[in-house]
N, C-alpha and C. Protein backbone atom coordinates (compact mmCIF):
# COMPACT_ATOMS: atom_id res chain seq x y z
N UNK A 1 -13.73 3.58 0.45
CA UNK A 1 -12.87 4.65 -0.04
C UNK A 1 -11.59 4.05 -0.62
N UNK A 2 -11.21 4.49 -1.78
CA UNK A 2 -10.03 3.98 -2.46
C UNK A 2 -8.81 4.77 -2.05
N UNK A 3 -7.71 4.05 -1.80
CA UNK A 3 -6.45 4.70 -1.48
C UNK A 3 -5.74 5.06 -2.79
N UNK A 4 -5.43 6.31 -2.98
CA UNK A 4 -4.76 6.74 -4.21
C UNK A 4 -3.28 7.02 -3.99
N UNK A 5 -2.80 6.86 -2.75
CA UNK A 5 -1.41 7.19 -2.42
C UNK A 5 -0.52 5.97 -2.33
N UNK A 6 -1.11 4.78 -2.20
CA UNK A 6 -0.32 3.60 -1.84
C UNK A 6 -0.81 2.36 -2.58
N UNK A 7 0.15 1.63 -3.14
CA UNK A 7 -0.10 0.33 -3.76
C UNK A 7 0.54 -0.70 -2.85
N UNK A 8 -0.18 -1.77 -2.55
CA UNK A 8 0.41 -2.84 -1.74
C UNK A 8 0.08 -4.18 -2.36
N UNK A 9 1.10 -5.00 -2.54
CA UNK A 9 0.95 -6.35 -3.09
C UNK A 9 1.66 -7.32 -2.16
N UNK A 10 1.06 -8.47 -1.94
CA UNK A 10 1.70 -9.52 -1.15
C UNK A 10 1.65 -10.82 -1.93
N UNK A 11 2.68 -11.62 -1.72
CA UNK A 11 2.74 -12.93 -2.36
C UNK A 11 3.60 -13.83 -1.47
N UNK A 12 3.17 -15.09 -1.32
CA UNK A 12 4.00 -16.07 -0.63
C UNK A 12 4.80 -16.79 -1.71
N UNK A 13 6.10 -16.67 -1.59
CA UNK A 13 7.00 -17.24 -2.59
C UNK A 13 7.52 -18.60 -2.11
N UNK A 14 7.58 -19.57 -3.02
CA UNK A 14 8.02 -20.93 -2.65
C UNK A 14 9.54 -21.03 -2.60
N UNK A 15 10.15 -20.16 -1.79
CA UNK A 15 11.61 -20.13 -1.71
C UNK A 15 12.02 -19.60 -0.33
N UNK A 16 13.20 -20.01 0.13
CA UNK A 16 13.68 -19.49 1.40
C UNK A 16 13.93 -17.98 1.34
N UNK A 17 13.89 -17.36 2.49
CA UNK A 17 14.08 -15.92 2.59
C UNK A 17 15.41 -15.48 1.94
N UNK A 18 16.47 -16.23 2.15
CA UNK A 18 17.78 -15.86 1.58
C UNK A 18 17.71 -15.81 0.05
N UNK A 19 16.97 -16.74 -0.55
CA UNK A 19 16.84 -16.77 -2.01
C UNK A 19 16.06 -15.55 -2.51
N UNK A 20 14.96 -15.22 -1.83
CA UNK A 20 14.15 -14.07 -2.22
C UNK A 20 14.96 -12.79 -2.03
N UNK A 21 15.69 -12.71 -0.93
CA UNK A 21 16.51 -11.53 -0.66
C UNK A 21 17.52 -11.30 -1.79
N UNK A 22 18.16 -12.37 -2.22
CA UNK A 22 19.14 -12.26 -3.31
C UNK A 22 18.47 -11.78 -4.60
N UNK A 23 17.26 -12.25 -4.86
CA UNK A 23 16.55 -11.85 -6.08
C UNK A 23 16.17 -10.37 -6.05
N UNK A 24 15.96 -9.83 -4.86
CA UNK A 24 15.55 -8.43 -4.73
C UNK A 24 16.75 -7.48 -4.68
N UNK A 25 17.83 -7.89 -4.03
CA UNK A 25 18.91 -6.95 -3.74
C UNK A 25 20.19 -7.15 -4.54
N UNK A 26 20.21 -8.12 -5.42
CA UNK A 26 21.33 -8.27 -6.34
C UNK A 26 20.88 -7.65 -7.66
N UNK A 27 21.58 -6.61 -8.08
CA UNK A 27 21.12 -5.84 -9.24
C UNK A 27 20.88 -6.72 -10.47
N UNK A 28 21.76 -7.69 -10.71
CA UNK A 28 21.60 -8.55 -11.88
C UNK A 28 20.33 -9.41 -11.76
N UNK A 29 20.10 -9.98 -10.58
CA UNK A 29 18.89 -10.79 -10.40
C UNK A 29 17.64 -9.93 -10.41
N UNK A 30 17.68 -8.78 -9.75
CA UNK A 30 16.54 -7.87 -9.77
C UNK A 30 16.17 -7.55 -11.22
N UNK A 31 17.18 -7.24 -12.01
CA UNK A 31 16.94 -6.92 -13.41
C UNK A 31 16.34 -8.06 -14.20
N UNK A 32 16.73 -9.29 -13.86
CA UNK A 32 16.24 -10.47 -14.59
C UNK A 32 14.72 -10.61 -14.47
N UNK A 33 14.18 -10.44 -13.27
CA UNK A 33 12.73 -10.60 -13.11
C UNK A 33 11.98 -9.29 -13.32
N UNK A 34 12.62 -8.16 -13.05
CA UNK A 34 11.95 -6.87 -13.17
C UNK A 34 11.90 -6.37 -14.62
N UNK A 35 12.91 -6.75 -15.40
CA UNK A 35 12.97 -6.33 -16.80
C UNK A 35 13.79 -5.06 -16.99
N UNK A 36 14.98 -5.04 -16.40
CA UNK A 36 15.87 -3.88 -16.53
C UNK A 36 17.31 -4.37 -16.46
N UNK A 37 18.18 -3.76 -17.26
CA UNK A 37 19.60 -4.11 -17.23
C UNK A 37 20.31 -3.02 -16.43
N UNK A 38 20.49 -3.28 -15.13
CA UNK A 38 21.07 -2.29 -14.22
C UNK A 38 22.59 -2.33 -14.26
N UNK A 39 23.18 -1.16 -14.01
CA UNK A 39 24.64 -1.03 -13.93
C UNK A 39 25.02 -0.96 -12.46
N UNK A 40 26.04 -1.70 -12.05
CA UNK A 40 26.52 -1.61 -10.68
C UNK A 40 25.72 -2.42 -9.68
N UNK A 41 26.05 -2.20 -8.39
CA UNK A 41 25.42 -2.94 -7.30
C UNK A 41 24.55 -1.99 -6.48
N UNK A 42 23.62 -2.56 -5.73
CA UNK A 42 22.78 -1.76 -4.84
C UNK A 42 23.55 -1.46 -3.55
N UNK A 43 23.48 -0.20 -3.12
CA UNK A 43 24.08 0.23 -1.85
C UNK A 43 23.27 1.40 -1.34
N UNK A 44 23.10 1.48 -0.02
CA UNK A 44 22.36 2.60 0.56
C UNK A 44 22.95 3.93 0.10
N UNK A 45 22.08 4.83 -0.34
CA UNK A 45 22.50 6.15 -0.80
C UNK A 45 22.97 6.20 -2.24
N UNK A 46 23.09 5.05 -2.88
CA UNK A 46 23.56 5.00 -4.27
C UNK A 46 22.38 5.01 -5.23
N UNK A 47 22.62 5.60 -6.39
CA UNK A 47 21.61 5.61 -7.45
C UNK A 47 21.96 4.52 -8.46
N UNK A 48 20.99 3.65 -8.70
CA UNK A 48 21.14 2.63 -9.72
C UNK A 48 20.44 3.08 -10.99
N UNK A 49 21.04 2.76 -12.12
CA UNK A 49 20.47 3.12 -13.42
C UNK A 49 20.56 1.93 -14.36
N UNK A 50 19.61 1.90 -15.28
CA UNK A 50 19.67 0.86 -16.29
C UNK A 50 18.54 1.00 -17.29
N UNK A 51 18.72 0.36 -18.42
CA UNK A 51 17.71 0.39 -19.48
C UNK A 51 16.65 -0.67 -19.22
N UNK A 52 15.40 -0.26 -19.36
CA UNK A 52 14.29 -1.20 -19.25
C UNK A 52 14.39 -2.17 -20.44
N UNK A 53 14.14 -3.45 -20.19
CA UNK A 53 14.18 -4.46 -21.25
C UNK A 53 12.79 -4.97 -21.60
N UNK A 54 11.77 -4.49 -20.90
CA UNK A 54 10.40 -4.91 -21.14
C UNK A 54 9.95 -4.40 -22.51
N UNK A 55 9.38 -5.26 -23.37
CA UNK A 55 8.97 -4.85 -24.71
C UNK A 55 8.06 -3.61 -24.70
N UNK A 56 8.44 -2.64 -25.51
CA UNK A 56 7.69 -1.40 -25.61
C UNK A 56 8.24 -0.29 -24.74
N UNK A 57 9.12 -0.64 -23.80
CA UNK A 57 9.67 0.36 -22.88
C UNK A 57 11.20 0.42 -22.94
N UNK A 58 11.78 -0.14 -23.99
CA UNK A 58 13.23 -0.19 -24.13
C UNK A 58 13.87 1.19 -24.20
N UNK A 59 13.09 2.22 -24.50
CA UNK A 59 13.60 3.59 -24.59
C UNK A 59 13.75 4.24 -23.21
N UNK A 60 13.28 3.57 -22.17
CA UNK A 60 13.26 4.14 -20.82
C UNK A 60 14.50 3.75 -20.03
N UNK A 61 15.11 4.73 -19.39
CA UNK A 61 16.18 4.47 -18.43
C UNK A 61 15.60 4.58 -17.04
N UNK A 62 15.72 3.53 -16.27
CA UNK A 62 15.22 3.51 -14.90
C UNK A 62 16.29 4.05 -13.97
N UNK A 63 15.88 4.90 -13.04
CA UNK A 63 16.78 5.38 -11.99
C UNK A 63 16.13 5.11 -10.65
N UNK A 64 16.91 4.60 -9.73
CA UNK A 64 16.40 4.30 -8.39
C UNK A 64 17.46 4.67 -7.35
N UNK A 65 17.04 5.42 -6.35
CA UNK A 65 17.92 5.81 -5.25
C UNK A 65 17.66 4.85 -4.10
N UNK A 66 18.65 4.06 -3.74
CA UNK A 66 18.48 3.08 -2.66
C UNK A 66 18.44 3.82 -1.33
N UNK A 67 17.33 3.65 -0.62
CA UNK A 67 17.10 4.32 0.67
C UNK A 67 17.66 3.52 1.83
N UNK A 68 17.27 2.24 1.90
CA UNK A 68 17.63 1.46 3.08
C UNK A 68 17.72 -0.02 2.74
N UNK A 69 18.70 -0.67 3.37
CA UNK A 69 18.88 -2.12 3.22
C UNK A 69 19.05 -2.71 4.62
N UNK A 70 18.13 -3.60 4.99
CA UNK A 70 18.23 -4.37 6.24
C UNK A 70 18.24 -5.83 5.83
N UNK A 71 19.41 -6.46 5.83
CA UNK A 71 19.56 -7.81 5.26
C UNK A 71 18.45 -8.79 5.62
N UNK A 72 17.93 -9.37 4.55
CA UNK A 72 16.89 -10.40 4.56
C UNK A 72 15.59 -9.97 5.23
N UNK A 73 15.39 -8.64 5.38
CA UNK A 73 14.15 -8.13 5.97
C UNK A 73 13.51 -7.02 5.16
N UNK A 74 14.32 -6.04 4.75
CA UNK A 74 13.75 -4.81 4.20
C UNK A 74 14.71 -4.19 3.18
N UNK A 75 14.14 -3.81 2.05
CA UNK A 75 14.89 -3.12 0.99
C UNK A 75 13.98 -2.02 0.46
N UNK A 76 14.49 -0.80 0.34
CA UNK A 76 13.66 0.31 -0.14
C UNK A 76 14.44 1.21 -1.08
N UNK A 77 13.74 1.70 -2.09
CA UNK A 77 14.33 2.68 -3.00
C UNK A 77 13.27 3.69 -3.40
N UNK A 78 13.74 4.81 -3.94
CA UNK A 78 12.87 5.86 -4.47
C UNK A 78 13.08 5.93 -5.97
N UNK A 79 11.99 6.27 -6.66
CA UNK A 79 12.07 6.46 -8.11
C UNK A 79 10.92 7.34 -8.56
N UNK A 80 10.96 7.69 -9.84
CA UNK A 80 9.88 8.45 -10.46
C UNK A 80 8.93 7.45 -11.11
N UNK A 81 7.70 7.35 -10.59
CA UNK A 81 6.78 6.32 -11.09
C UNK A 81 6.31 6.60 -12.52
N UNK A 82 6.30 5.55 -13.30
CA UNK A 82 5.82 5.59 -14.68
C UNK A 82 6.40 6.77 -15.45
N UNK A 83 7.70 6.93 -15.32
CA UNK A 83 8.43 8.01 -16.00
C UNK A 83 8.92 7.49 -17.34
N UNK A 84 8.02 7.42 -18.31
CA UNK A 84 8.32 6.72 -19.57
C UNK A 84 8.50 7.62 -20.77
N UNK A 85 8.20 8.91 -20.66
CA UNK A 85 8.31 9.82 -21.79
C UNK A 85 9.73 10.36 -21.86
N UNK A 86 10.47 9.96 -22.89
CA UNK A 86 11.87 10.37 -23.04
C UNK A 86 12.02 11.88 -23.22
N UNK A 87 10.95 12.57 -23.56
CA UNK A 87 11.00 14.02 -23.77
C UNK A 87 10.67 14.83 -22.51
N UNK A 88 10.43 14.15 -21.39
CA UNK A 88 10.07 14.83 -20.15
C UNK A 88 11.20 14.67 -19.13
N UNK A 89 11.55 15.77 -18.48
CA UNK A 89 12.52 15.74 -17.39
C UNK A 89 11.74 15.57 -16.08
N UNK A 90 11.83 14.40 -15.50
CA UNK A 90 11.09 14.09 -14.27
C UNK A 90 11.87 14.47 -13.02
N UNK A 91 13.11 14.93 -13.17
CA UNK A 91 13.98 15.14 -12.02
C UNK A 91 13.44 16.15 -11.01
N UNK A 92 12.59 17.06 -11.44
CA UNK A 92 12.03 18.07 -10.53
C UNK A 92 10.82 17.55 -9.75
N UNK A 93 10.31 16.39 -10.12
CA UNK A 93 9.12 15.84 -9.47
C UNK A 93 9.49 15.07 -8.20
N UNK A 94 8.55 14.98 -7.26
CA UNK A 94 8.75 14.10 -6.11
C UNK A 94 8.84 12.64 -6.58
N UNK A 95 9.41 11.81 -5.75
CA UNK A 95 9.51 10.38 -6.05
C UNK A 95 8.53 9.61 -5.17
N UNK A 96 8.31 8.36 -5.54
CA UNK A 96 7.58 7.45 -4.67
C UNK A 96 8.61 6.56 -3.98
N UNK A 97 8.18 5.94 -2.88
CA UNK A 97 9.03 5.02 -2.14
C UNK A 97 8.54 3.60 -2.40
N UNK A 98 9.43 2.74 -2.84
CA UNK A 98 9.13 1.33 -3.07
C UNK A 98 9.81 0.54 -1.95
N UNK A 99 9.01 -0.27 -1.25
CA UNK A 99 9.53 -1.05 -0.12
C UNK A 99 9.24 -2.53 -0.33
N UNK A 100 10.24 -3.34 -0.02
CA UNK A 100 10.10 -4.79 -0.04
C UNK A 100 10.32 -5.28 1.38
N UNK A 101 9.34 -6.01 1.92
CA UNK A 101 9.46 -6.60 3.26
C UNK A 101 9.37 -8.12 3.13
N UNK A 102 10.26 -8.81 3.83
CA UNK A 102 10.29 -10.27 3.79
C UNK A 102 10.02 -10.84 5.17
N UNK A 103 9.18 -11.89 5.21
CA UNK A 103 8.87 -12.59 6.45
C UNK A 103 8.79 -14.08 6.14
N UNK A 104 9.09 -14.89 7.15
CA UNK A 104 8.92 -16.34 7.02
C UNK A 104 7.45 -16.65 6.83
N UNK A 105 7.17 -17.66 6.02
CA UNK A 105 5.77 -18.04 5.78
C UNK A 105 5.68 -19.53 5.46
N UNK A 106 5.68 -20.35 6.49
CA UNK A 106 5.45 -21.79 6.32
C UNK A 106 6.23 -22.45 5.21
N UNK A 107 7.51 -22.44 5.29
CA UNK A 107 8.34 -23.09 4.28
C UNK A 107 8.65 -22.20 3.09
N UNK A 108 8.11 -21.01 3.06
CA UNK A 108 8.39 -20.07 1.98
C UNK A 108 8.64 -18.69 2.57
N UNK A 109 8.46 -17.69 1.75
CA UNK A 109 8.70 -16.31 2.17
C UNK A 109 7.53 -15.44 1.76
N UNK A 110 6.99 -14.71 2.73
CA UNK A 110 5.97 -13.72 2.44
C UNK A 110 6.67 -12.45 2.01
N UNK A 111 6.40 -12.02 0.79
CA UNK A 111 6.95 -10.77 0.26
C UNK A 111 5.83 -9.75 0.18
N UNK A 112 6.05 -8.60 0.81
CA UNK A 112 5.12 -7.48 0.72
C UNK A 112 5.83 -6.36 -0.01
N UNK A 113 5.20 -5.87 -1.06
CA UNK A 113 5.73 -4.75 -1.85
C UNK A 113 4.77 -3.59 -1.67
N UNK A 114 5.30 -2.45 -1.25
CA UNK A 114 4.49 -1.25 -1.08
C UNK A 114 5.16 -0.12 -1.85
N UNK A 115 4.36 0.57 -2.66
CA UNK A 115 4.83 1.81 -3.29
C UNK A 115 3.91 2.91 -2.81
N UNK A 116 4.49 3.94 -2.21
CA UNK A 116 3.69 5.02 -1.64
C UNK A 116 4.24 6.38 -2.05
N UNK A 117 3.35 7.38 -1.95
CA UNK A 117 3.74 8.76 -2.28
C UNK A 117 3.10 9.28 -3.55
N UNK A 118 2.12 8.57 -4.08
CA UNK A 118 1.49 9.01 -5.34
C UNK A 118 0.75 10.33 -5.20
N UNK A 119 0.25 10.63 -4.01
CA UNK A 119 -0.50 11.88 -3.84
C UNK A 119 0.37 13.12 -4.04
N UNK A 120 1.67 12.94 -4.04
CA UNK A 120 2.59 14.07 -4.28
C UNK A 120 2.98 14.22 -5.75
N UNK A 121 2.65 13.24 -6.57
CA UNK A 121 2.98 13.28 -8.00
C UNK A 121 2.09 14.34 -8.66
N UNK A 122 2.62 15.10 -9.63
CA UNK A 122 1.80 16.12 -10.29
C UNK A 122 0.46 15.55 -10.77
N UNK A 123 -0.58 16.31 -10.53
CA UNK A 123 -1.94 15.88 -10.81
C UNK A 123 -2.12 15.41 -12.26
N UNK A 124 -1.44 16.06 -13.20
CA UNK A 124 -1.61 15.75 -14.61
C UNK A 124 -1.23 14.31 -14.95
N UNK A 125 -0.36 13.68 -14.16
CA UNK A 125 0.03 12.31 -14.46
C UNK A 125 -0.14 11.35 -13.29
N UNK A 126 -0.69 11.81 -12.20
CA UNK A 126 -0.83 11.00 -10.99
C UNK A 126 -1.69 9.75 -11.20
N UNK A 127 -2.88 9.91 -11.74
CA UNK A 127 -3.80 8.77 -11.88
C UNK A 127 -3.22 7.70 -12.80
N UNK A 128 -2.62 8.13 -13.91
CA UNK A 128 -2.04 7.14 -14.83
C UNK A 128 -0.84 6.44 -14.20
N UNK A 129 0.01 7.18 -13.49
CA UNK A 129 1.16 6.57 -12.83
C UNK A 129 0.69 5.52 -11.81
N UNK A 130 -0.33 5.87 -11.04
CA UNK A 130 -0.87 4.94 -10.05
C UNK A 130 -1.44 3.70 -10.74
N UNK A 131 -2.27 3.90 -11.73
CA UNK A 131 -2.91 2.79 -12.43
C UNK A 131 -1.88 1.86 -13.08
N UNK A 132 -0.92 2.45 -13.78
CA UNK A 132 0.08 1.64 -14.47
C UNK A 132 1.00 0.91 -13.49
N UNK A 133 1.37 1.55 -12.40
CA UNK A 133 2.23 0.88 -11.43
C UNK A 133 1.46 -0.18 -10.65
N UNK A 134 0.18 0.04 -10.40
CA UNK A 134 -0.63 -0.99 -9.75
C UNK A 134 -0.65 -2.24 -10.62
N UNK A 135 -0.90 -2.07 -11.89
CA UNK A 135 -0.86 -3.22 -12.83
C UNK A 135 0.55 -3.81 -12.89
N UNK A 136 1.53 -2.92 -12.93
CA UNK A 136 2.93 -3.37 -13.02
C UNK A 136 3.34 -4.22 -11.83
N UNK A 137 2.98 -3.81 -10.61
CA UNK A 137 3.36 -4.59 -9.43
C UNK A 137 2.63 -5.93 -9.39
N UNK A 138 1.42 -5.98 -9.91
CA UNK A 138 0.73 -7.27 -10.01
C UNK A 138 1.54 -8.22 -10.90
N UNK A 139 2.00 -7.70 -12.02
CA UNK A 139 2.81 -8.51 -12.92
C UNK A 139 4.16 -8.85 -12.30
N UNK A 140 4.77 -7.90 -11.60
CA UNK A 140 6.09 -8.16 -11.01
C UNK A 140 6.03 -9.21 -9.90
N UNK A 141 4.92 -9.30 -9.18
CA UNK A 141 4.82 -10.37 -8.17
C UNK A 141 4.84 -11.74 -8.85
N UNK A 142 4.21 -11.83 -10.01
CA UNK A 142 4.25 -13.10 -10.77
C UNK A 142 5.67 -13.35 -11.30
N UNK A 143 6.32 -12.29 -11.76
CA UNK A 143 7.68 -12.43 -12.30
C UNK A 143 8.67 -12.92 -11.25
N UNK A 144 8.62 -12.31 -10.05
CA UNK A 144 9.57 -12.76 -9.02
C UNK A 144 9.23 -14.16 -8.54
N UNK A 145 7.96 -14.50 -8.52
CA UNK A 145 7.57 -15.86 -8.12
C UNK A 145 8.18 -16.88 -9.08
N UNK A 146 8.08 -16.62 -10.38
CA UNK A 146 8.69 -17.53 -11.37
C UNK A 146 10.21 -17.54 -11.22
N UNK A 147 10.77 -16.38 -10.99
CA UNK A 147 12.24 -16.27 -10.91
C UNK A 147 12.81 -17.07 -9.74
N UNK A 148 12.23 -16.94 -8.55
CA UNK A 148 12.81 -17.62 -7.38
C UNK A 148 12.49 -19.11 -7.38
N UNK A 149 11.52 -19.53 -8.18
CA UNK A 149 11.17 -20.96 -8.26
C UNK A 149 12.17 -21.73 -9.12
N UNK A 150 12.95 -21.01 -9.94
CA UNK A 150 13.95 -21.68 -10.79
C UNK A 150 15.08 -22.18 -9.91
N UNK A 151 15.62 -23.35 -10.27
CA UNK A 151 16.75 -23.87 -9.47
C UNK A 151 18.02 -23.03 -9.61
């Protein structure tokens, strides 16, 4: 049986936990590997916004509400998944929860990324949002791996 509500990706990164944490929770670094130019800093309860810089999606403004920050362990935010149509107001839709968990892993850091809540997304766009974000998180695990490997 396929899970349609939750995407989970794991990767062991060749970097200390503090380095991975900085890449995830510093808005400028997050933007560098994720492909977004965010304004401001991440803080619990704050909404971060920024323009996507990924080719083909430059018209999209990303919004993320930071849910929880537990230093060097857990970072979570909510957003509207695959909200790419500039003519659609997604603000009335439920959000998904994106969670980053960090653990020690033999000289590196095990990063687990989970996005959940797709079953609440309107049926008309649920399957595409899930499919595109599943592909997106696969790519983002490669992006953060390259990012934290840089000196």
